PDB file of N, CA and C in Angstrom:
ATOM      1  N   MET A   1      26.011  52.115 -46.857  1.00  0.00           N
ATOM      2  CA  MET A   1      24.816  51.410 -46.463  1.00  0.00           C
ATOM      3  C   MET A   1      25.127  49.933 -46.196  1.00  0.00           C
ATOM      4  N   LEU A   2      25.963  49.347 -47.051  1.00  0.00           N
ATOM      5  CA  LEU A   2      26.336  47.946 -46.894  1.00  0.00           C
ATOM      6  C   LEU A   2      27.122  47.743 -45.595  1.00  0.00           C
ATOM      7  N   ASN A   3      27.979  48.711 -45.278  1.00  0.00           N
ATOM      8  CA  ASN A   3      28.740  48.622 -44.027  1.00  0.00           C
ATOM      9  C   ASN A   3      27.815  48.655 -42.809  1.00  0.00           C
ATOM     10  N   VAL A   4      26.810  49.500 -42.867  1.00  0.00           N
ATOM     11  CA  VAL A   4      25.849  49.591 -41.762  1.00  0.00           C
ATOM     12  C   VAL A   4      25.105  48.273 -41.626  1.00  0.00           C
ATOM     13  N   LEU A   5      24.697  47.702 -42.752  1.00  0.00           N
ATOM     14  CA  LEU A   5      23.990  46.421 -42.733  1.00  0.00           C
ATOM     15  C   LEU A   5      24.885  45.322 -42.179  1.00  0.00           C
ATOM     16  N   ASN A   6      26.135  45.278 -42.624  1.00  0.00           N
ATOM     17  CA  ASN A   6      27.076  44.270 -42.115  1.00  0.00           C
ATOM     18  C   ASN A   6      27.332  44.457 -40.620  1.00  0.00           C
ATOM     19  N   SER A   7      27.475  45.683 -40.221  1.00  0.00           N
ATOM     20  CA  SER A   7      27.708  45.984 -38.812  1.00  0.00           C
ATOM     21  C   SER A   7      26.510  45.570 -37.973  1.00  0.00           C
ATOM     22  N   SER A   8      25.327  45.865 -38.466  1.00  0.00           N
ATOM     23  CA  SER A   8      24.101  45.484 -37.745  1.00  0.00           C
ATOM     24  C   SER A   8      23.982  43.965 -37.660  1.00  0.00           C
ATOM     25  N   ALA A   9      24.293  43.284 -38.750  1.00  0.00           N
ATOM     26  CA  ALA A   9      24.239  41.822 -38.760  1.00  0.00           C
ATOM     27  C   ALA A   9      25.245  41.244 -37.779  1.00  0.00           C
ATOM     28  N   SER A  10      26.435  41.823 -37.746  1.00  0.00           N
ATOM     29  CA  SER A  10      27.470  41.367 -36.828  1.00  0.00           C
ATOM     30  C   SER A  10      27.027  41.583 -35.379  1.00  0.00           C
ATOM     31  N   THR A  11      26.490  42.738 -35.089  1.00  0.00           N
ATOM     32  CA  THR A  11      25.999  43.039 -33.733  1.00  0.00           C
ATOM     33  C   THR A  11      24.879  42.074 -33.353  1.00  0.00           C
ATOM     34  N   PHE A  12      23.968  41.854 -34.288  1.00  0.00           N
ATOM     35  CA  PHE A  12      22.854  40.937 -34.041  1.00  0.00           C
ATOM     36  C   PHE A  12      23.376  39.532 -33.746  1.00  0.00           C
ATOM     37  N   ASN A  13      24.342  39.067 -34.529  1.00  0.00           N
ATOM     38  CA  ASN A  13      24.916  37.734 -34.317  1.00  0.00           C
ATOM     39  C   ASN A  13      25.598  37.626 -32.956  1.00  0.00           C
ATOM     40  N   LYS A  14      26.324  38.669 -32.563  1.00  0.00           N
ATOM     41  CA  LYS A  14      26.990  38.663 -31.253  1.00  0.00           C
ATOM     42  C   LYS A  14      25.964  38.606 -30.133  1.00  0.00           C
ATOM     43  N   GLN A  15      24.930  39.433 -30.252  1.00  0.00           N
ATOM     44  CA  GLN A  15      23.893  39.452 -29.220  1.00  0.00           C
ATOM     45  C   GLN A  15      23.161  38.106 -29.150  1.00  0.00           C
ATOM     46  N   THR A  16      22.883  37.530 -30.298  1.00  0.00           N
ATOM     47  CA  THR A  16      22.215  36.218 -30.350  1.00  0.00           C
ATOM     48  C   THR A  16      23.091  35.158 -29.707  1.00  0.00           C
ATOM     49  N   ASP A  17      24.396  35.191 -30.016  1.00  0.00           N
ATOM     50  CA  ASP A  17      25.323  34.234 -29.413  1.00  0.00           C
ATOM     51  C   ASP A  17      25.367  34.400 -27.890  1.00  0.00           C
ATOM     52  N   GLU A  18      25.393  35.650 -27.432  1.00  0.00           N
ATOM     53  CA  GLU A  18      25.432  35.913 -25.989  1.00  0.00           C
ATOM     54  C   GLU A  18      24.166  35.415 -25.297  1.00  0.00           C
ATOM     55  N   VAL A  19      23.020  35.693 -25.917  1.00  0.00           N
ATOM     56  CA  VAL A  19      21.754  35.224 -25.343  1.00  0.00           C
ATOM     57  C   VAL A  19      21.728  33.698 -25.323  1.00  0.00           C
ATOM     58  N   SER A  20      22.134  33.081 -26.423  1.00  0.00           N
ATOM     59  CA  SER A  20      22.157  31.616 -26.502  1.00  0.00           C
ATOM     60  C   SER A  20      23.100  31.040 -25.456  1.00  0.00           C
ATOM     61  N   ARG A  21      24.274  31.635 -25.337  1.00  0.00           N
ATOM     62  CA  ARG A  21      25.248  31.158 -24.363  1.00  0.00           C
ATOM     63  C   ARG A  21      24.694  31.291 -22.945  1.00  0.00           C
ATOM     64  N   THR A  22      24.048  32.408 -22.661  1.00  0.00           N
ATOM     65  CA  THR A  22      23.462  32.631 -21.338  1.00  0.00           C
ATOM     66  C   THR A  22      22.375  31.590 -21.054  1.00  0.00           C
ATOM     67  N   GLU A  23      21.511  31.342 -22.051  1.00  0.00           N
ATOM     68  CA  GLU A  23      20.451  30.352 -21.877  1.00  0.00           C
ATOM     69  C   GLU A  23      21.029  28.950 -21.679  1.00  0.00           C
ATOM     70  N   VAL A  24      22.030  28.603 -22.470  1.00  0.00           N
ATOM     71  CA  VAL A  24      22.659  27.284 -22.358  1.00  0.00           C
ATOM     72  C   VAL A  24      23.325  27.143 -20.997  1.00  0.00           C
ATOM     73  N   ASP A  25      24.058  28.167 -20.569  1.00  0.00           N
ATOM     74  CA  ASP A  25      24.718  28.120 -19.262  1.00  0.00           C
ATOM     75  C   ASP A  25      23.697  27.954 -18.144  1.00  0.00           C
ATOM     76  N   ALA A  26      22.580  28.662 -18.247  1.00  0.00           N
ATOM     77  CA  ALA A  26      21.527  28.555 -17.233  1.00  0.00           C
ATOM     78  C   ALA A  26      20.942  27.148 -17.209  1.00  0.00           C
ATOM     79  N   LYS A  27      20.726  26.579 -18.398  1.00  0.00           N
ATOM     80  CA  LYS A  27      20.180  25.221 -18.459  1.00  0.00           C
ATOM     81  C   LYS A  27      21.176  24.200 -17.929  1.00  0.00           C
ATOM     82  N   ILE A  28      22.445  24.386 -18.250  1.00  0.00           N
ATOM     83  CA  ILE A  28      23.478  23.480 -17.730  1.00  0.00           C
ATOM     84  C   ILE A  28      23.526  23.561 -16.208  1.00  0.00           C
ATOM     85  N   ALA A  29      23.436  24.765 -15.674  1.00  0.00           N
ATOM     86  CA  ALA A  29      23.437  24.934 -14.211  1.00  0.00           C
ATOM     87  C   ALA A  29      22.212  24.247 -13.600  1.00  0.00           C
ATOM     88  N   LYS A  30      21.069  24.393 -14.243  1.00  0.00           N
ATOM     89  CA  LYS A  30      19.843  23.759 -13.751  1.00  0.00           C
ATOM     90  C   LYS A  30      19.977  22.240 -13.781  1.00  0.00           C
ATOM     91  N   ILE A  31      20.533  21.707 -14.867  1.00  0.00           N
ATOM     92  CA  ILE A  31      20.757  20.265 -14.973  1.00  0.00           C
ATOM     93  C   ILE A  31      21.677  19.794 -13.856  1.00  0.00           C
ATOM     94  N   SER A  32      22.715  20.554 -13.607  1.00  0.00           N
ATOM     95  CA  SER A  32      23.648  20.213 -12.532  1.00  0.00           C
ATOM     96  C   SER A  32      22.942  20.201 -11.176  1.00  0.00           C
ATOM     97  N   ASP A  33      22.091  21.191 -10.945  1.00  0.00           N
ATOM     98  CA  ASP A  33      21.330  21.250  -9.691  1.00  0.00           C
ATOM     99  C   ASP A  33      20.405  20.044  -9.548  1.00  0.00           C
ATOM    100  N   VAL A  34      19.732  19.694 -10.640  1.00  0.00           N
ATOM    101  CA  VAL A  34      18.818  18.544 -10.597  1.00  0.00           C
ATOM    102  C   VAL A  34      19.603  17.252 -10.363  1.00  0.00           C
ATOM    103  N   ASN A  35      20.740  17.113 -11.034  1.00  0.00           N
ATOM    104  CA  ASN A  35      21.572  15.922 -10.821  1.00  0.00           C
ATOM    105  C   ASN A  35      22.041  15.833  -9.375  1.00  0.00           C
ATOM    106  N   GLU A  36      22.400  16.949  -8.795  1.00  0.00           N
ATOM    107  CA  GLU A  36      22.830  16.959  -7.390  1.00  0.00           C
ATOM    108  C   GLU A  36      21.670  16.573  -6.474  1.00  0.00           C
ATOM    109  N   ALA A  37      20.478  17.070  -6.769  1.00  0.00           N
ATOM    110  CA  ALA A  37      19.295  16.704  -5.989  1.00  0.00           C
ATOM    111  C   ALA A  37      19.029  15.202  -6.093  1.00  0.00           C
ATOM    112  N   ILE A  38      19.211  14.656  -7.286  1.00  0.00           N
ATOM    113  CA  ILE A  38      19.031  13.213  -7.484  1.00  0.00           C
ATOM    114  C   ILE A  38      20.049  12.440  -6.650  1.00  0.00           C
ATOM    115  N   ARG A  39      21.307  12.871  -6.682  1.00  0.00           N
ATOM    116  CA  ARG A  39      22.343  12.200  -5.887  1.00  0.00           C
ATOM    117  C   ARG A  39      22.004  12.242  -4.400  1.00  0.00           C
ATOM    118  N   GLN A  40      21.509  13.384  -3.955  1.00  0.00           N
ATOM    119  CA  GLN A  40      21.147  13.521  -2.540  1.00  0.00           C
ATOM    120  C   GLN A  40      19.993  12.583  -2.188  1.00  0.00           C
ATOM    121  N   LYS A  41      18.982  12.525  -3.043  1.00  0.00           N
ATOM    122  CA  LYS A  41      17.841  11.636  -2.798  1.00  0.00           C
ATOM    123  C   LYS A  41      18.280  10.173  -2.820  1.00  0.00           C
ATOM    124  N   GLN A  42      19.197   9.834  -3.728  1.00  0.00           N
ATOM    125  CA  GLN A  42      19.702   8.462  -3.785  1.00  0.00           C
ATOM    126  C   GLN A  42      20.436   8.109  -2.495  1.00  0.00           C
ATOM    127  N   LYS A  43      21.183   9.073  -1.959  1.00  0.00           N
ATOM    128  CA  LYS A  43      21.878   8.842  -0.686  1.00  0.00           C
ATOM    129  C   LYS A  43      20.860   8.650   0.434  1.00  0.00           C
ATOM    130  N   GLU A  44      19.816   9.479   0.442  1.00  0.00           N
ATOM    131  CA  GLU A  44      18.771   9.334   1.461  1.00  0.00           C
ATOM    132  C   GLU A  44      18.103   7.967   1.350  1.00  0.00           C
ATOM    133  N   ILE A  45      17.837   7.531   0.123  1.00  0.00           N
ATOM    134  CA  ILE A  45      17.224   6.220  -0.088  1.00  0.00           C
ATOM    135  C   ILE A  45      18.151   5.122   0.415  1.00  0.00           C
ATOM    136  N   ALA A  46      19.434   5.228   0.094  1.00  0.00           N
ATOM    137  CA  ALA A  46      20.408   4.221   0.548  1.00  0.00           C
ATOM    138  C   ALA A  46      20.470   4.191   2.076  1.00  0.00           C
ATOM    139  N   ASP A  47      20.438   5.361   2.703  1.00  0.00           N
ATOM    140  CA  ASP A  47      20.454   5.424   4.164  1.00  0.00           C
ATOM    141  C   ASP A  47      19.199   4.767   4.751  1.00  0.00           C
ATOM    142  N   LEU A  48      18.054   5.040   4.147  1.00  0.00           N
ATOM    143  CA  LEU A  48      16.807   4.431   4.608  1.00  0.00           C
ATOM    144  C   LEU A  48      16.825   2.915   4.404  1.00  0.00           C
ATOM    145  N   GLN A  49      17.376   2.472   3.296  1.00  0.00           N
ATOM    146  CA  GLN A  49      17.476   1.032   3.050  1.00  0.00           C
ATOM    147  C   GLN A  49      18.360   0.372   4.101  1.00  0.00           C
ATOM    148  N   GLN A  50      19.432   1.054   4.488  1.00  0.00           N
ATOM    149  CA  GLN A  50      20.318   0.521   5.517  1.00  0.00           C
ATOM    150  C   GLN A  50      19.590   0.456   6.857  1.00  0.00           C
ATOM    151  N   GLN A  51      18.788   1.478   7.150  1.00  0.00           N
ATOM    152  CA  GLN A  51      18.003   1.466   8.389  1.00  0.00           C
ATOM    153  C   GLN A  51      17.020   0.295   8.391  1.00  0.00           C
ATOM    154  N   VAL A  52      16.401   0.051   7.254  1.00  0.00           N
ATOM    155  CA  VAL A  52      15.454  -1.065   7.145  1.00  0.00           C
ATOM    156  C   VAL A  52      16.176  -2.385   7.400  1.00  0.00           C
ATOM    157  N   LYS A  53      17.351  -2.565   6.785  1.00  0.00           N
ATOM    158  CA  LYS A  53      18.111  -3.797   6.984  1.00  0.00           C
ATOM    159  C   LYS A  53      18.457  -3.981   8.461  1.00  0.00           C
ATOM    160  N   SER A  54      18.867  -2.903   9.097  1.00  0.00           N
ATOM    161  CA  SER A  54      19.211  -2.960  10.514  1.00  0.00           C
ATOM    162  C   SER A  54      17.988  -3.330  11.354  1.00  0.00           C
ATOM    163  N   MET A  55      16.864  -2.707  11.049  1.00  0.00           N
ATOM    164  CA  MET A  55      15.637  -3.005  11.787  1.00  0.00           C
ATOM    165  C   MET A  55      15.198  -4.451  11.560  1.00  0.00           C
ATOM    166  N   GLN A  56      15.339  -4.944  10.331  1.00  0.00           N
ATOM    167  CA  GLN A  56      14.981  -6.329  10.046  1.00  0.00           C
ATOM    168  C   GLN A  56      15.865  -7.283  10.834  1.00  0.00           C
ATOM    169  N   SER A  57      17.144  -6.961  10.903  1.00  0.00           N
ATOM    170  CA  SER A  57      18.079  -7.796  11.657  1.00  0.00           C
ATOM    171  C   SER A  57      17.711  -7.791  13.145  1.00  0.00           C
ATOM    172  N   GLN A  58      17.429  -6.618  13.682  1.00  0.00           N
ATOM    173  CA  GLN A  58      17.035  -6.516  15.092  1.00  0.00           C
ATOM    174  C   GLN A  58      15.738  -7.275  15.356  1.00  0.00           C
ATOM    175  N   THR A  59      14.817  -7.187  14.407  1.00  0.00           N
ATOM    176  CA  THR A  59      13.541  -7.892  14.549  1.00  0.00           C
ATOM    177  C   THR A  59      13.764  -9.400  14.560  1.00  0.00           C
ATOM    178  N   GLU A  60      14.647  -9.867  13.701  1.00  0.00           N
ATOM    179  CA  GLU A  60      14.931 -11.304  13.641  1.00  0.00           C
ATOM    180  C   GLU A  60      15.574 -11.777  14.941  1.00  0.00           C
ATOM    181  N   VAL A  61      16.481 -10.975  15.490  1.00  0.00           N
ATOM    182  CA  VAL A  61      17.104 -11.320  16.774  1.00  0.00           C
ATOM    183  C   VAL A  61      16.042 -11.388  17.860  1.00  0.00           C
ATOM    184  N   SER A  62      15.152 -10.402  17.886  1.00  0.00           N
ATOM    185  CA  SER A  62      14.082 -10.384  18.882  1.00  0.00           C
ATOM    186  C   SER A  62      13.170 -11.596  18.721  1.00  0.00           C
ATOM    187  N   ARG A  63      12.837 -11.924  17.480  1.00  0.00           N
ATOM    188  CA  ARG A  63      11.972 -13.074  17.212  1.00  0.00           C
ATOM    189  C   ARG A  63      12.634 -14.361  17.707  1.00  0.00           C
ATOM    190  N   THR A  64      13.926 -14.497  17.433  1.00  0.00           N
ATOM    191  CA  THR A  64      14.660 -15.684  17.860  1.00  0.00           C
ATOM    192  C   THR A  64      14.687 -15.778  19.380  1.00  0.00           C
ATOM    193  N   LYS A  65      14.951 -14.663  20.048  1.00  0.00           N
ATOM    194  CA  LYS A  65      14.972 -14.657  21.512  1.00  0.00           C
ATOM    195  C   LYS A  65      13.602 -14.990  22.084  1.00  0.00           C
ATOM    196  N   LEU A  66      12.565 -14.473  21.465  1.00  0.00           N
ATOM    197  CA  LEU A  66      11.205 -14.750  21.926  1.00  0.00           C
ATOM    198  C   LEU A  66      10.878 -16.234  21.758  1.00  0.00           C
ATOM    199  N   GLN A  67      11.237 -16.805  20.617  1.00  0.00           N
ATOM    200  CA  GLN A  67      10.993 -18.233  20.390  1.00  0.00           C
ATOM    201  C   GLN A  67      11.766 -19.082  21.401  1.00  0.00           C
ATOM    202  N   GLU A  68      13.001 -18.671  21.680  1.00  0.00           N
ATOM    203  CA  GLU A  68      13.826 -19.398  22.649  1.00  0.00           C
ATOM    204  C   GLU A  68      13.214 -19.323  24.041  1.00  0.00           C
ATOM    205  N   ALA A  69      12.772 -18.129  24.419  1.00  0.00           N
ATOM    206  CA  ALA A  69      12.141 -17.960  25.730  1.00  0.00           C
ATOM    207  C   ALA A  69      10.857 -18.784  25.824  1.00  0.00           C
ATOM    208  N   LYS A  70      10.087 -18.783  24.760  1.00  0.00           N
ATOM    209  CA  LYS A  70       8.836 -19.558  24.724  1.00  0.00           C
ATOM    210  C   LYS A  70       9.137 -21.048  24.869  1.00  0.00           C
ATOM    211  N   SER A  71      10.146 -21.504  24.143  1.00  0.00           N
ATOM    212  CA  SER A  71      10.537 -22.911  24.210  1.00  0.00           C
ATOM    213  C   SER A  71      11.045 -23.267  25.601  1.00  0.00           C
ATOM    214  N   ASN A  72      11.888 -22.408  26.174  1.00  0.00           N
ATOM    215  CA  ASN A  72      12.409 -22.655  27.526  1.00  0.00           C
ATOM    216  C   ASN A  72      11.284 -22.681  28.555  1.00  0.00           C
ATOM    217  N   PHE A  73      10.321 -21.783  28.389  1.00  0.00           N
ATOM    218  CA  PHE A  73       9.198 -21.743  29.317  1.00  0.00           C
ATOM    219  C   PHE A  73       8.380 -23.029  29.222  1.00  0.00           C
ATOM    220  N   ALA A  74       8.107 -23.454  27.984  1.00  0.00           N
ATOM    221  CA  ALA A  74       7.324 -24.677  27.791  1.00  0.00           C
ATOM    222  C   ALA A  74       8.040 -25.876  28.404  1.00  0.00           C
ATOM    223  N   ALA A  75       9.354 -25.956  28.215  1.00  0.00           N
ATOM    224  CA  ALA A  75      10.129 -27.061  28.788  1.00  0.00           C
ATOM    225  C   ALA A  75      10.121 -26.987  30.312  1.00  0.00           C
ATOM    226  N   ALA A  76      10.298 -25.803  30.855  1.00  0.00           N
ATOM    227  CA  ALA A  76      10.284 -25.629  32.308  1.00  0.00           C
ATOM    228  C   ALA A  76       8.910 -25.969  32.879  1.00  0.00           C
ATOM    229  N   LEU A  77       7.863 -25.604  32.185  1.00  0.00           N
ATOM    230  CA  LEU A  77       6.499 -25.898  32.629  1.00  0.00           C
ATOM    231  C   LEU A  77       6.272 -27.415  32.679  1.00  0.00           C
ATOM    232  N   GLU A  78       6.675 -28.096  31.623  1.00  0.00           N
ATOM    233  CA  GLU A  78       6.515 -29.553  31.598  1.00  0.00           C
ATOM    234  C   GLU A  78       7.346 -30.223  32.696  1.00  0.00           C
ATOM    235  N   ARG A  79       8.550 -29.728  32.890  1.00  0.00           N
ATOM    236  CA  ARG A  79       9.411 -30.270  33.943  1.00  0.00           C
ATOM    237  C   ARG A  79       8.763 -30.087  35.312  1.00  0.00           C
ATOM    238  N   ARG A  80       8.225 -28.892  35.536  1.00  0.00           N
ATOM    239  CA  ARG A  80       7.587 -28.604  36.831  1.00  0.00           C
ATOM    240  C   ARG A  80       6.336 -29.455  37.019  1.00  0.00           C
ATOM    241  N   ARG A  81       5.566 -29.648  35.950  1.00  0.00           N
ATOM    242  CA  ARG A  81       4.377 -30.506  36.042  1.00  0.00           C
ATOM    243  C   ARG A  81       4.791 -31.936  36.432  1.00  0.00           C
ATOM    244  N   GLY A  82       5.851 -32.405  35.816  1.00  0.00           N
ATOM    245  CA  GLY A  82       6.358 -33.746  36.145  1.00  0.00           C
ATOM    246  C   GLY A  82       6.789 -33.834  37.597  1.00  0.00           C
ATOM    247  N   GLU A  83       7.465 -32.806  38.086  1.00  0.00           N
ATOM    248  CA  GLU A  83       7.903 -32.785  39.483  1.00  0.00           C
ATOM    249  C   GLU A  83       6.695 -32.816  40.420  1.00  0.00           C
ATOM    250  N   ILE A  84       5.680 -32.038  40.102  1.00  0.00           N
ATOM    251  CA  ILE A  84       4.484 -31.986  40.944  1.00  0.00           C
ATOM    252  C   ILE A  84       3.776 -33.345  40.948  1.00  0.00           C
ATOM    253  N   GLN A  85       3.685 -33.963  39.784  1.00  0.00           N
ATOM    254  CA  GLN A  85       3.052 -35.284  39.714  1.00  0.00           C
ATOM    255  C   GLN A  85       3.848 -36.299  40.528  1.00  0.00           C
ATOM    256  N   GLN A  86       5.164 -36.220  40.447  1.00  0.00           N
ATOM    257  CA  GLN A  86       6.013 -37.129  41.224  1.00  0.00           C
ATOM    258  C   GLN A  86       5.806 -36.898  42.721  1.00  0.00           C
ATOM    259  N   GLN A  87       5.764 -35.632  43.127  1.00  0.00           N
ATOM    260  CA  GLN A  87       5.544 -35.327  44.548  1.00  0.00           C
ATOM    261  C   GLN A  87       4.170 -35.824  45.003  1.00  0.00           C
ATOM    262  N   ARG A  88       3.177 -35.666  44.141  1.00  0.00           N
ATOM    263  CA  ARG A  88       1.829 -36.130  44.482  1.00  0.00           C
ATOM    264  C   ARG A  88       1.845 -37.647  44.712  1.00  0.00           C
ATOM    265  N   LYS A  89       2.523 -38.383  43.816  1.00  0.00           N
ATOM    266  CA  LYS A  89       2.608 -39.838  43.972  1.00  0.00           C
ATOM    267  C   LYS A  89       3.306 -40.202  45.272  1.00  0.00           C
ATOM    268  N   GLU A  90       4.386 -39.458  45.566  1.00  0.00           N
ATOM    269  CA  GLU A  90       5.130 -39.737  46.815  1.00  0.00           C
ATOM    270  C   GLU A  90       4.252 -39.467  48.033  1.00  0.00           C
ATOM    271  N   PHE A  91       3.492 -38.381  48.018  1.00  0.00           N
ATOM    272  CA  PHE A  91       2.605 -38.083  49.162  1.00  0.00           C
ATOM    273  C   PHE A  91       1.499 -39.121  49.269  1.00  0.00           C
ATOM    274  N   GLU A  92       0.970 -39.541  48.135  1.00  0.00           N
ATOM    275  CA  GLU A  92      -0.078 -40.566  48.156  1.00  0.00           C
ATOM    276  C   GLU A  92       0.470 -41.872  48.701  1.00  0.00           C
ATOM    277  N   THR A  93       1.723 -42.175  48.358  1.00  0.00           N
ATOM    278  CA  THR A  93       2.348 -43.396  48.868  1.00  0.00           C
ATOM    279  C   THR A  93       2.550 -43.285  50.367  1.00  0.00           C
ATOM    280  N   ILE A  94       3.008 -42.137  50.820  1.00  0.00           N
ATOM    281  CA  ILE A  94       3.257 -41.927  52.249  1.00  0.00           C
ATOM    282  C   ILE A  94       1.917 -41.969  53.004  1.00  0.00           C
ATOM    283  N   LEU A  95       0.901 -41.313  52.465  1.00  0.00           N
ATOM    284  CA  LEU A  95      -0.390 -41.221  53.142  1.00  0.00           C
ATOM    285  C   LEU A  95      -1.226 -42.480  52.913  1.00  0.00           C
ATOM    286  N   GLY A  96      -0.929 -43.173  51.903  1.00  0.00           N
ATOM    287  CA  GLY A  96      -1.695 -44.250  51.397  1.00  0.00           C
ATOM    288  C   GLY A  96      -1.957 -45.437  52.102  1.00  0.00           C
TER     289      GLY A  96
END
């Protein structure tokens, strides 16, 4: 009877160890999967951050070019106004 009890206890312990090992292995695999998903999301975030930096840089270049064009236009406009005023004075002198 004692041998049967010992044998049953041994079998129970082996089965419990196997179930525990299976559960632990499954949880470890799940943790690994979640960690991999996190790494992938971090890479996606880093890629998006790089895209944002690139877009910000392009926007700054565009802003600078626009300001330069605006400044050049304003200077050209003033220059042309001065030329027209000078021509008007010359015509008034000639006609005058």
